[in-house]
ModelCIF file with pLDDT and N, C-alpha, C, O atoms, coordinates in Angstrom:
data_MODEL
#
_entry.id   MODEL 
#
_entity.id                         1 
_entity.type                       polymer 
_entity.pdbx_number_of_molecules   1 
#
_entity_poly.entity_id                      1 
_entity_poly.type                           'polypeptide(L)' 
_entity_poly.nstd_linkage                   no 
_entity_poly.nstd_monomer                   no 
_entity_poly.pdbx_seq_one_letter_code       TTAVDYAKKIIAENHVLAICPEGKRVKDKNGVPQKAKAGVALIARD 
_entity_poly.pdbx_seq_one_letter_code_can   TTAVDYAKKIIAENHVLAICPEGKRVKDKNGVPQKAKAGVALIARD 
_entity_poly.pdbx_strand_id                 A 
#
loop_
_entity_poly_seq.entity_id 
_entity_poly_seq.num 
_entity_poly_seq.mon_id 
_entity_poly_seq.hetero 
1 1  THR n 
1 2  THR n 
1 3  ALA n 
1 4  VAL n 
1 5  ASP n 
1 6  TYR n 
1 7  ALA n 
1 8  LYS n 
1 9  LYS n 
1 10 ILE n 
1 11 ILE n 
1 12 ALA n 
1 13 GLU n 
1 14 ASN n 
1 15 HIS n 
1 16 VAL n 
1 17 LEU n 
1 18 ALA n 
1 19 ILE n 
1 20 CYS n 
1 21 PRO n 
1 22 GLU n 
1 23 GLY n 
1 24 LYS n 
1 25 ARG n 
1 26 VAL n 
1 27 LYS n 
1 28 ASP n 
1 29 LYS n 
1 30 ASN n 
1 31 GLY n 
1 32 VAL n 
1 33 PRO n 
1 34 GLN n 
1 35 LYS n 
1 36 ALA n 
1 37 LYS n 
1 38 ALA n 
1 39 GLY n 
1 40 VAL n 
1 41 ALA n 
1 42 LEU n 
1 43 ILE n 
1 44 ALA n 
1 45 ARG n 
1 46 ASP n 
#
_struct_asym.id          A 
_struct_asym.entity_id   1 
#
loop_
_ma_qa_metric.id 
_ma_qa_metric.mode 
_ma_qa_metric.name 
_ma_qa_metric.software_group_id 
_ma_qa_metric.type 
1 global pLDDT . pLDDT 
2 local  pLDDT . pLDDT 
#
_ma_qa_metric_global.metric_id      1 
_ma_qa_metric_global.metric_value   86.13 
_ma_qa_metric_global.model_id       1 
_ma_qa_metric_global.ordinal_id     1 
#
loop_
_ma_qa_metric_local.label_asym_id 
_ma_qa_metric_local.label_comp_id 
_ma_qa_metric_local.label_seq_id 
_ma_qa_metric_local.metric_id 
_ma_qa_metric_local.metric_value 
_ma_qa_metric_local.model_id 
_ma_qa_metric_local.ordinal_id 
A THR 1  2 89.00 1 1  
A THR 2  2 91.00 1 2  
A ALA 3  2 91.00 1 3  
A VAL 4  2 91.00 1 4  
A ASP 5  2 94.00 1 5  
A TYR 6  2 95.00 1 6  
A ALA 7  2 95.00 1 7  
A LYS 8  2 96.00 1 8  
A LYS 9  2 96.00 1 9  
A ILE 10 2 96.00 1 10 
A ILE 11 2 96.00 1 11 
A ALA 12 2 94.00 1 12 
A GLU 13 2 94.00 1 13 
A ASN 14 2 93.00 1 14 
A HIS 15 2 95.00 1 15 
A VAL 16 2 96.00 1 16 
A LEU 17 2 97.00 1 17 
A ALA 18 2 96.00 1 18 
A ILE 19 2 94.00 1 19 
A CYS 20 2 92.00 1 20 
A PRO 21 2 91.00 1 21 
A GLU 22 2 85.00 1 22 
A GLY 23 2 77.00 1 23 
A LYS 24 2 74.00 1 24 
A ARG 25 2 72.00 1 25 
A VAL 26 2 67.00 1 26 
A LYS 27 2 61.00 1 27 
A ASP 28 2 57.00 1 28 
A LYS 29 2 53.00 1 29 
A ASN 30 2 59.00 1 30 
A GLY 31 2 69.00 1 31 
A VAL 32 2 75.00 1 32 
A PRO 33 2 75.00 1 33 
A GLN 34 2 77.00 1 34 
A LYS 35 2 83.00 1 35 
A ALA 36 2 79.00 1 36 
A LYS 37 2 87.00 1 37 
A ALA 38 2 88.00 1 38 
A GLY 39 2 89.00 1 39 
A VAL 40 2 94.00 1 40 
A ALA 41 2 94.00 1 41 
A LEU 42 2 94.00 1 42 
A ILE 43 2 95.00 1 43 
A ALA 44 2 96.00 1 44 
A ARG 45 2 95.00 1 45 
A ASP 46 2 95.00 1 46 
#
loop_
_atom_site.group_PDB 
_atom_site.id 
_atom_site.type_symbol 
_atom_site.label_atom_id 
_atom_site.label_alt_id 
_atom_site.label_comp_id 
_atom_site.label_asym_id 
_atom_site.label_entity_id 
_atom_site.label_seq_id 
_atom_site.pdbx_PDB_ins_code 
_atom_site.Cartn_x 
_atom_site.Cartn_y 
_atom_site.Cartn_z 
_atom_site.occupancy 
_atom_site.B_iso_or_equiv 
_atom_site.pdbx_formal_charge 
_atom_site.auth_seq_id 
_atom_site.auth_comp_id 
_atom_site.auth_asym_id 
_atom_site.auth_atom_id 
_atom_site.pdbx_PDB_model_num 
ATOM 1   N N  . THR A 1 1  ? 9.260  -18.363 -14.832 1.00 89.00 ? 1  THR A N  1 
ATOM 2   C CA . THR A 1 1  ? 10.066 -18.016 -13.724 1.00 89.00 ? 1  THR A CA 1 
ATOM 3   C C  . THR A 1 1  ? 11.251 -19.020 -13.978 1.00 89.00 ? 1  THR A C  1 
ATOM 4   O O  . THR A 1 1  ? 12.419 -18.670 -13.808 1.00 89.00 ? 1  THR A O  1 
ATOM 5   N N  . THR A 1 2  ? 10.881 -20.354 -14.414 1.00 91.00 ? 2  THR A N  1 
ATOM 6   C CA . THR A 1 2  ? 11.996 -21.419 -14.359 1.00 91.00 ? 2  THR A CA 1 
ATOM 7   C C  . THR A 1 2  ? 13.024 -21.047 -15.163 1.00 91.00 ? 2  THR A C  1 
ATOM 8   O O  . THR A 1 2  ? 14.171 -21.281 -14.783 1.00 91.00 ? 2  THR A O  1 
ATOM 9   N N  . ALA A 1 3  ? 12.772 -20.356 -16.505 1.00 91.00 ? 3  ALA A N  1 
ATOM 10  C CA . ALA A 1 3  ? 13.704 -19.774 -17.370 1.00 91.00 ? 3  ALA A CA 1 
ATOM 11  C C  . ALA A 1 3  ? 14.570 -18.758 -16.833 1.00 91.00 ? 3  ALA A C  1 
ATOM 12  O O  . ALA A 1 3  ? 15.779 -18.746 -17.066 1.00 91.00 ? 3  ALA A O  1 
ATOM 13  N N  . VAL A 1 4  ? 13.924 -17.821 -16.051 1.00 91.00 ? 4  VAL A N  1 
ATOM 14  C CA . VAL A 1 4  ? 14.581 -16.708 -15.574 1.00 91.00 ? 4  VAL A CA 1 
ATOM 15  C C  . VAL A 1 4  ? 15.472 -17.210 -14.242 1.00 91.00 ? 4  VAL A C  1 
ATOM 16  O O  . VAL A 1 4  ? 16.543 -16.661 -13.987 1.00 91.00 ? 4  VAL A O  1 
ATOM 17  N N  . ASP A 1 5  ? 15.049 -18.079 -13.581 1.00 94.00 ? 5  ASP A N  1 
ATOM 18  C CA . ASP A 1 5  ? 16.073 -18.756 -12.518 1.00 94.00 ? 5  ASP A CA 1 
ATOM 19  C C  . ASP A 1 5  ? 17.154 -19.412 -13.089 1.00 94.00 ? 5  ASP A C  1 
ATOM 20  O O  . ASP A 1 5  ? 18.243 -19.351 -12.518 1.00 94.00 ? 5  ASP A O  1 
ATOM 21  N N  . TYR A 1 6  ? 17.005 -20.145 -14.318 1.00 95.00 ? 6  TYR A N  1 
ATOM 22  C CA . TYR A 1 6  ? 18.003 -20.657 -14.852 1.00 95.00 ? 6  TYR A CA 1 
ATOM 23  C C  . TYR A 1 6  ? 18.926 -19.742 -15.555 1.00 95.00 ? 6  TYR A C  1 
ATOM 24  O O  . TYR A 1 6  ? 20.098 -20.086 -15.711 1.00 95.00 ? 6  TYR A O  1 
ATOM 25  N N  . ALA A 1 7  ? 18.532 -18.702 -15.956 1.00 95.00 ? 7  ALA A N  1 
ATOM 26  C CA . ALA A 1 7  ? 19.448 -17.473 -16.423 1.00 95.00 ? 7  ALA A CA 1 
ATOM 27  C C  . ALA A 1 7  ? 20.236 -16.802 -15.216 1.00 95.00 ? 7  ALA A C  1 
ATOM 28  O O  . ALA A 1 7  ? 21.354 -16.300 -15.330 1.00 95.00 ? 7  ALA A O  1 
ATOM 29  N N  . LYS A 1 8  ? 19.574 -16.859 -14.170 1.00 96.00 ? 8  LYS A N  1 
ATOM 30  C CA . LYS A 1 8  ? 20.392 -16.332 -12.916 1.00 96.00 ? 8  LYS A CA 1 
ATOM 31  C C  . LYS A 1 8  ? 21.339 -17.201 -12.550 1.00 96.00 ? 8  LYS A C  1 
ATOM 32  O O  . LYS A 1 8  ? 22.420 -16.792 -12.127 1.00 96.00 ? 8  LYS A O  1 
ATOM 33  N N  . LYS A 1 9  ? 21.039 -18.594 -12.671 1.00 96.00 ? 9  LYS A N  1 
ATOM 34  C CA . LYS A 1 9  ? 22.197 -19.631 -12.366 1.00 96.00 ? 9  LYS A CA 1 
ATOM 35  C C  . LYS A 1 9  ? 23.147 -19.542 -13.403 1.00 96.00 ? 9  LYS A C  1 
ATOM 36  O O  . LYS A 1 9  ? 24.262 -19.823 -12.963 1.00 96.00 ? 9  LYS A O  1 
ATOM 37  N N  . ILE A 1 10 ? 23.154 -19.244 -14.691 1.00 96.00 ? 10 ILE A N  1 
ATOM 38  C CA . ILE A 1 10 ? 24.085 -19.027 -15.659 1.00 96.00 ? 10 ILE A CA 1 
ATOM 39  C C  . ILE A 1 10 ? 25.042 -18.052 -15.266 1.00 96.00 ? 10 ILE A C  1 
ATOM 40  O O  . ILE A 1 10 ? 26.239 -18.297 -15.413 1.00 96.00 ? 10 ILE A O  1 
ATOM 41  N N  . ILE A 1 11 ? 24.614 -16.859 -14.731 1.00 96.00 ? 11 ILE A N  1 
ATOM 42  C CA . ILE A 1 11 ? 25.309 -15.722 -14.366 1.00 96.00 ? 11 ILE A CA 1 
ATOM 43  C C  . ILE A 1 11 ? 26.121 -16.117 -13.068 1.00 96.00 ? 11 ILE A C  1 
ATOM 44  O O  . ILE A 1 11 ? 27.338 -15.948 -13.003 1.00 96.00 ? 11 ILE A O  1 
ATOM 45  N N  . ALA A 1 12 ? 25.485 -16.573 -12.197 1.00 94.00 ? 12 ALA A N  1 
ATOM 46  C CA . ALA A 1 12 ? 26.105 -16.948 -10.997 1.00 94.00 ? 12 ALA A CA 1 
ATOM 47  C C  . ALA A 1 12 ? 27.155 -17.894 -10.941 1.00 94.00 ? 12 ALA A C  1 
ATOM 48  O O  . ALA A 1 12 ? 27.943 -17.974 -9.998  1.00 94.00 ? 12 ALA A O  1 
ATOM 49  N N  . GLU A 1 13 ? 27.170 -18.754 -12.146 1.00 94.00 ? 13 GLU A N  1 
ATOM 50  C CA . GLU A 1 13 ? 28.200 -19.771 -12.366 1.00 94.00 ? 13 GLU A CA 1 
ATOM 51  C C  . GLU A 1 13 ? 29.315 -19.043 -13.335 1.00 94.00 ? 13 GLU A C  1 
ATOM 52  O O  . GLU A 1 13 ? 30.133 -19.743 -13.931 1.00 94.00 ? 13 GLU A O  1 
ATOM 53  N N  . ASN A 1 14 ? 29.316 -17.839 -13.446 1.00 93.00 ? 14 ASN A N  1 
ATOM 54  C CA . ASN A 1 14 ? 30.242 -16.948 -14.217 1.00 93.00 ? 14 ASN A CA 1 
ATOM 55  C C  . ASN A 1 14 ? 30.169 -17.370 -15.764 1.00 93.00 ? 14 ASN A C  1 
ATOM 56  O O  . ASN A 1 14 ? 31.185 -17.260 -16.451 1.00 93.00 ? 14 ASN A O  1 
ATOM 57  N N  . HIS A 1 15 ? 29.142 -17.782 -16.238 1.00 95.00 ? 15 HIS A N  1 
ATOM 58  C CA . HIS A 1 15 ? 28.964 -17.835 -17.716 1.00 95.00 ? 15 HIS A CA 1 
ATOM 59  C C  . HIS A 1 15 ? 28.155 -16.480 -18.137 1.00 95.00 ? 15 HIS A C  1 
ATOM 60  O O  . HIS A 1 15 ? 27.608 -15.749 -17.311 1.00 95.00 ? 15 HIS A O  1 
ATOM 61  N N  . VAL A 1 16 ? 28.162 -16.247 -19.603 1.00 96.00 ? 16 VAL A N  1 
ATOM 62  C CA . VAL A 1 16 ? 27.591 -15.107 -20.118 1.00 96.00 ? 16 VAL A CA 1 
ATOM 63  C C  . VAL A 1 16 ? 26.198 -15.519 -20.563 1.00 96.00 ? 16 VAL A C  1 
ATOM 64  O O  . VAL A 1 16 ? 26.042 -16.616 -21.100 1.00 96.00 ? 16 VAL A O  1 
ATOM 65  N N  . LEU A 1 17 ? 25.215 -14.720 -20.370 1.00 97.00 ? 17 LEU A N  1 
ATOM 66  C CA . LEU A 1 17 ? 23.769 -14.719 -20.827 1.00 97.00 ? 17 LEU A CA 1 
ATOM 67  C C  . LEU A 1 17 ? 23.702 -13.679 -21.802 1.00 97.00 ? 17 LEU A C  1 
ATOM 68  O O  . LEU A 1 17 ? 23.996 -12.496 -21.634 1.00 97.00 ? 17 LEU A O  1 
ATOM 69  N N  . ALA A 1 18 ? 23.174 -14.389 -23.117 1.00 96.00 ? 18 ALA A N  1 
ATOM 70  C CA . ALA A 1 18 ? 22.799 -13.497 -24.106 1.00 96.00 ? 18 ALA A CA 1 
ATOM 71  C C  . ALA A 1 18 ? 21.167 -13.436 -24.200 1.00 96.00 ? 18 ALA A C  1 
ATOM 72  O O  . ALA A 1 18 ? 20.517 -14.482 -24.201 1.00 96.00 ? 18 ALA A O  1 
ATOM 73  N N  . ILE A 1 19 ? 20.514 -12.095 -24.283 1.00 94.00 ? 19 ILE A N  1 
ATOM 74  C CA . ILE A 1 19 ? 19.135 -11.926 -24.234 1.00 94.00 ? 19 ILE A CA 1 
ATOM 75  C C  . ILE A 1 19 ? 18.656 -10.985 -25.020 1.00 94.00 ? 19 ILE A C  1 
ATOM 76  O O  . ILE A 1 19 ? 19.232 -9.898  -25.071 1.00 94.00 ? 19 ILE A O  1 
ATOM 77  N N  . CYS A 1 20 ? 17.567 -11.227 -25.737 1.00 92.00 ? 20 CYS A N  1 
ATOM 78  C CA . CYS A 1 20 ? 16.910 -10.155 -26.650 1.00 92.00 ? 20 CYS A CA 1 
ATOM 79  C C  . CYS A 1 20 ? 15.927 -9.406  -25.631 1.00 92.00 ? 20 CYS A C  1 
ATOM 80  O O  . CYS A 1 20 ? 14.880 -9.982  -25.334 1.00 92.00 ? 20 CYS A O  1 
ATOM 81  N N  . PRO A 1 21 ? 16.182 -8.277  -25.137 1.00 91.00 ? 21 PRO A N  1 
ATOM 82  C CA . PRO A 1 21 ? 15.267 -7.618  -24.247 1.00 91.00 ? 21 PRO A CA 1 
ATOM 83  C C  . PRO A 1 21 ? 13.725 -7.484  -24.761 1.00 91.00 ? 21 PRO A C  1 
ATOM 84  O O  . PRO A 1 21 ? 12.789 -7.446  -23.963 1.00 91.00 ? 21 PRO A O  1 
ATOM 85  N N  . GLU A 1 22 ? 13.556 -7.418  -26.161 1.00 85.00 ? 22 GLU A N  1 
ATOM 86  C CA . GLU A 1 22 ? 12.353 -7.140  -26.824 1.00 85.00 ? 22 GLU A CA 1 
ATOM 87  C C  . GLU A 1 22 ? 11.380 -8.347  -26.554 1.00 85.00 ? 22 GLU A C  1 
ATOM 88  O O  . GLU A 1 22 ? 10.164 -8.156  -26.552 1.00 85.00 ? 22 GLU A O  1 
ATOM 89  N N  . GLY A 1 23 ? 11.893 -9.531  -26.336 1.00 77.00 ? 23 GLY A N  1 
ATOM 90  C CA . GLY A 1 23 ? 11.098 -10.679 -26.175 1.00 77.00 ? 23 GLY A CA 1 
ATOM 91  C C  . GLY A 1 23 ? 10.787 -11.427 -27.491 1.00 77.00 ? 23 GLY A C  1 
ATOM 92  O O  . GLY A 1 23 ? 10.595 -12.642 -27.455 1.00 77.00 ? 23 GLY A O  1 
ATOM 93  N N  . LYS A 1 24 ? 10.731 -10.734 -28.659 1.00 74.00 ? 24 LYS A N  1 
ATOM 94  C CA . LYS A 1 24 ? 10.586 -11.280 -29.874 1.00 74.00 ? 24 LYS A CA 1 
ATOM 95  C C  . LYS A 1 24 ? 10.947 -10.549 -31.013 1.00 74.00 ? 24 LYS A C  1 
ATOM 96  O O  . LYS A 1 24 ? 11.210 -9.354  -30.877 1.00 74.00 ? 24 LYS A O  1 
ATOM 97  N N  . ARG A 1 25 ? 11.005 -11.105 -32.170 1.00 72.00 ? 25 ARG A N  1 
ATOM 98  C CA . ARG A 1 25 ? 11.720 -10.494 -33.324 1.00 72.00 ? 25 ARG A CA 1 
ATOM 99  C C  . ARG A 1 25 ? 10.741 -9.288  -33.886 1.00 72.00 ? 25 ARG A C  1 
ATOM 100 O O  . ARG A 1 25 ? 9.516  -9.314  -33.997 1.00 72.00 ? 25 ARG A O  1 
ATOM 101 N N  . VAL A 1 26 ? 11.617 -8.274  -34.191 1.00 67.00 ? 26 VAL A N  1 
ATOM 102 C CA . VAL A 1 26 ? 10.912 -7.168  -34.898 1.00 67.00 ? 26 VAL A CA 1 
ATOM 103 C C  . VAL A 1 26 ? 10.623 -7.519  -36.317 1.00 67.00 ? 26 VAL A C  1 
ATOM 104 O O  . VAL A 1 26 ? 11.588 -7.552  -37.081 1.00 67.00 ? 26 VAL A O  1 
ATOM 105 N N  . LYS A 1 27 ? 9.526  -7.765  -36.748 1.00 61.00 ? 27 LYS A N  1 
ATOM 106 C CA . LYS A 1 27 ? 9.357  -8.319  -38.204 1.00 61.00 ? 27 LYS A CA 1 
ATOM 107 C C  . LYS A 1 27 ? 8.942  -7.302  -39.285 1.00 61.00 ? 27 LYS A C  1 
ATOM 108 O O  . LYS A 1 27 ? 8.938  -7.543  -40.492 1.00 61.00 ? 27 LYS A O  1 
ATOM 109 N N  . ASP A 1 28 ? 8.580  -6.089  -38.683 1.00 57.00 ? 28 ASP A N  1 
ATOM 110 C CA . ASP A 1 28 ? 8.326  -5.006  -39.447 1.00 57.00 ? 28 ASP A CA 1 
ATOM 111 C C  . ASP A 1 28 ? 8.762  -3.712  -38.991 1.00 57.00 ? 28 ASP A C  1 
ATOM 112 O O  . ASP A 1 28 ? 9.859  -3.696  -38.434 1.00 57.00 ? 28 ASP A O  1 
ATOM 113 N N  . LYS A 1 29 ? 8.182  -2.696  -39.098 1.00 53.00 ? 29 LYS A N  1 
ATOM 114 C CA . LYS A 1 29 ? 8.642  -1.332  -38.369 1.00 53.00 ? 29 LYS A CA 1 
ATOM 115 C C  . LYS A 1 29 ? 10.067 -1.051  -38.624 1.00 53.00 ? 29 LYS A C  1 
ATOM 116 O O  . LYS A 1 29 ? 10.825 -0.562  -37.786 1.00 53.00 ? 29 LYS A O  1 
ATOM 117 N N  . ASN A 1 30 ? 10.434 -1.429  -39.988 1.00 59.00 ? 30 ASN A N  1 
ATOM 118 C CA . ASN A 1 30 ? 11.697 -1.047  -40.577 1.00 59.00 ? 30 ASN A CA 1 
ATOM 119 C C  . ASN A 1 30 ? 12.872 -1.611  -39.654 1.00 59.00 ? 30 ASN A C  1 
ATOM 120 O O  . ASN A 1 30 ? 13.956 -1.032  -39.585 1.00 59.00 ? 30 ASN A O  1 
ATOM 121 N N  . GLY A 1 31 ? 12.614 -2.647  -39.030 1.00 69.00 ? 31 GLY A N  1 
ATOM 122 C CA . GLY A 1 31 ? 13.825 -3.232  -37.963 1.00 69.00 ? 31 GLY A CA 1 
ATOM 123 C C  . GLY A 1 31 ? 13.928 -2.394  -36.889 1.00 69.00 ? 31 GLY A C  1 
ATOM 124 O O  . GLY A 1 31 ? 14.801 -2.750  -36.097 1.00 69.00 ? 31 GLY A O  1 
ATOM 125 N N  . VAL A 1 32 ? 13.238 -1.240  -36.545 1.00 75.00 ? 32 VAL A N  1 
ATOM 126 C CA . VAL A 1 32 ? 13.579 -0.350  -35.397 1.00 75.00 ? 32 VAL A CA 1 
ATOM 127 C C  . VAL A 1 32 ? 13.436 -1.134  -34.133 1.00 75.00 ? 32 VAL A C  1 
ATOM 128 O O  . VAL A 1 32 ? 12.418 -1.820  -34.030 1.00 75.00 ? 32 VAL A O  1 
ATOM 129 N N  . PRO A 1 33 ? 14.302 -1.135  -33.157 1.00 75.00 ? 33 PRO A N  1 
ATOM 130 C CA . PRO A 1 33 ? 14.210 -1.817  -31.878 1.00 75.00 ? 33 PRO A CA 1 
ATOM 131 C C  . PRO A 1 33 ? 12.813 -1.243  -31.081 1.00 75.00 ? 33 PRO A C  1 
ATOM 132 O O  . PRO A 1 33 ? 12.444 -0.069  -31.045 1.00 75.00 ? 33 PRO A O  1 
ATOM 133 N N  . GLN A 1 34 ? 12.259 -2.224  -30.558 1.00 77.00 ? 34 GLN A N  1 
ATOM 134 C CA . GLN A 1 34 ? 10.880 -1.710  -29.801 1.00 77.00 ? 34 GLN A CA 1 
ATOM 135 C C  . GLN A 1 34 ? 11.317 -1.881  -28.205 1.00 77.00 ? 34 GLN A C  1 
ATOM 136 O O  . GLN A 1 34 ? 12.386 -2.307  -27.768 1.00 77.00 ? 34 GLN A O  1 
ATOM 137 N N  . LYS A 1 35 ? 10.181 -1.425  -27.494 1.00 83.00 ? 35 LYS A N  1 
ATOM 138 C CA . LYS A 1 35 ? 10.369 -1.389  -25.942 1.00 83.00 ? 35 LYS A CA 1 
ATOM 139 C C  . LYS A 1 35 ? 10.761 -2.808  -25.440 1.00 83.00 ? 35 LYS A C  1 
ATOM 140 O O  . LYS A 1 35 ? 10.419 -3.805  -26.076 1.00 83.00 ? 35 LYS A O  1 
ATOM 141 N N  . ALA A 1 36 ? 11.426 -2.880  -24.385 1.00 79.00 ? 36 ALA A N  1 
ATOM 142 C CA . ALA A 1 36 ? 11.774 -4.115  -23.753 1.00 79.00 ? 36 ALA A CA 1 
ATOM 143 C C  . ALA A 1 36 ? 10.961 -4.687  -22.787 1.00 79.00 ? 36 ALA A C  1 
ATOM 144 O O  . ALA A 1 36 ? 10.240 -3.916  -22.154 1.00 79.00 ? 36 ALA A O  1 
ATOM 145 N N  . LYS A 1 37 ? 10.916 -5.953  -22.519 1.00 87.00 ? 37 LYS A N  1 
ATOM 146 C CA . LYS A 1 37 ? 10.321 -6.623  -21.472 1.00 87.00 ? 37 LYS A CA 1 
ATOM 147 C C  . LYS A 1 37 ? 10.991 -6.269  -20.183 1.00 87.00 ? 37 LYS A C  1 
ATOM 148 O O  . LYS A 1 37 ? 11.943 -5.488  -20.200 1.00 87.00 ? 37 LYS A O  1 
ATOM 149 N N  . ALA A 1 38 ? 10.583 -6.760  -19.133 1.00 88.00 ? 38 ALA A N  1 
ATOM 150 C CA . ALA A 1 38 ? 11.284 -6.372  -17.813 1.00 88.00 ? 38 ALA A CA 1 
ATOM 151 C C  . ALA A 1 38 ? 12.524 -7.417  -17.526 1.00 88.00 ? 38 ALA A C  1 
ATOM 152 O O  . ALA A 1 38 ? 13.363 -7.214  -16.649 1.00 88.00 ? 38 ALA A O  1 
ATOM 153 N N  . GLY A 1 39 ? 12.516 -8.553  -18.383 1.00 89.00 ? 39 GLY A N  1 
ATOM 154 C CA . GLY A 1 39 ? 13.399 -9.578  -17.942 1.00 89.00 ? 39 GLY A CA 1 
ATOM 155 C C  . GLY A 1 39 ? 14.865 -9.145  -17.799 1.00 89.00 ? 39 GLY A C  1 
ATOM 156 O O  . GLY A 1 39 ? 15.488 -9.466  -16.788 1.00 89.00 ? 39 GLY A O  1 
ATOM 157 N N  . VAL A 1 40 ? 15.415 -8.453  -18.743 1.00 94.00 ? 40 VAL A N  1 
ATOM 158 C CA . VAL A 1 40 ? 16.857 -7.961  -18.731 1.00 94.00 ? 40 VAL A CA 1 
ATOM 159 C C  . VAL A 1 40 ? 17.134 -7.295  -17.559 1.00 94.00 ? 40 VAL A C  1 
ATOM 160 O O  . VAL A 1 40 ? 18.102 -7.671  -16.898 1.00 94.00 ? 40 VAL A O  1 
ATOM 161 N N  . ALA A 1 41 ? 16.314 -6.179  -17.102 1.00 94.00 ? 41 ALA A N  1 
ATOM 162 C CA . ALA A 1 41 ? 16.623 -5.533  -15.908 1.00 94.00 ? 41 ALA A CA 1 
ATOM 163 C C  . ALA A 1 41 ? 16.281 -6.369  -14.581 1.00 94.00 ? 41 ALA A C  1 
ATOM 164 O O  . ALA A 1 41 ? 16.863 -6.174  -13.514 1.00 94.00 ? 41 ALA A O  1 
ATOM 165 N N  . LEU A 1 42 ? 15.379 -7.219  -14.748 1.00 94.00 ? 42 LEU A N  1 
ATOM 166 C CA . LEU A 1 42 ? 15.079 -8.141  -13.474 1.00 94.00 ? 42 LEU A CA 1 
ATOM 167 C C  . LEU A 1 42 ? 16.248 -9.048  -13.221 1.00 94.00 ? 42 LEU A C  1 
ATOM 168 O O  . LEU A 1 42 ? 16.605 -9.373  -12.089 1.00 94.00 ? 42 LEU A O  1 
ATOM 169 N N  . ILE A 1 43 ? 16.794 -9.420  -14.272 1.00 95.00 ? 43 ILE A N  1 
ATOM 170 C CA . ILE A 1 43 ? 18.065 -10.627 -14.015 1.00 95.00 ? 43 ILE A CA 1 
ATOM 171 C C  . ILE A 1 43 ? 19.200 -9.679  -13.598 1.00 95.00 ? 43 ILE A C  1 
ATOM 172 O O  . ILE A 1 43 ? 19.943 -9.988  -12.667 1.00 95.00 ? 43 ILE A O  1 
ATOM 173 N N  . ALA A 1 44 ? 19.316 -8.748  -14.144 1.00 96.00 ? 44 ALA A N  1 
ATOM 174 C CA . ALA A 1 44 ? 20.604 -7.755  -13.833 1.00 96.00 ? 44 ALA A CA 1 
ATOM 175 C C  . ALA A 1 44 ? 20.381 -7.344  -12.359 1.00 96.00 ? 44 ALA A C  1 
ATOM 176 O O  . ALA A 1 44 ? 21.344 -7.377  -11.593 1.00 96.00 ? 44 ALA A O  1 
ATOM 177 N N  . ARG A 1 45 ? 19.350 -7.017  -11.987 1.00 95.00 ? 45 ARG A N  1 
ATOM 178 C CA . ARG A 1 45 ? 19.115 -6.701  -10.534 1.00 95.00 ? 45 ARG A CA 1 
ATOM 179 C C  . ARG A 1 45 ? 19.413 -7.751  -9.565  1.00 95.00 ? 45 ARG A C  1 
ATOM 180 O O  . ARG A 1 45 ? 20.070 -7.532  -8.547  1.00 95.00 ? 45 ARG A O  1 
ATOM 181 N N  . ASP A 1 46 ? 18.960 -8.826  -9.861  1.00 95.00 ? 46 ASP A N  1 
ATOM 182 C CA . ASP A 1 46 ? 19.086 -10.015 -9.089  1.00 95.00 ? 46 ASP A CA 1 
ATOM 183 C C  . ASP A 1 46 ? 20.269 -10.585 -8.947  1.00 95.00 ? 46 ASP A C  1 
ATOM 184 O O  . ASP A 1 46 ? 20.382 -11.613 -8.280  1.00 95.00 ? 46 ASP A O  1 
#
């Protein structure tokens, strides 16, 4: 939650946040994007 709150602070101060919704690198599976963690939507909502 500390990192998420900091991410919200970044946006609140009109900076741009970059995030990888999957949460970790896709090391196999031919590089096909995988399902997202909740973080990106949670931060957008808040």
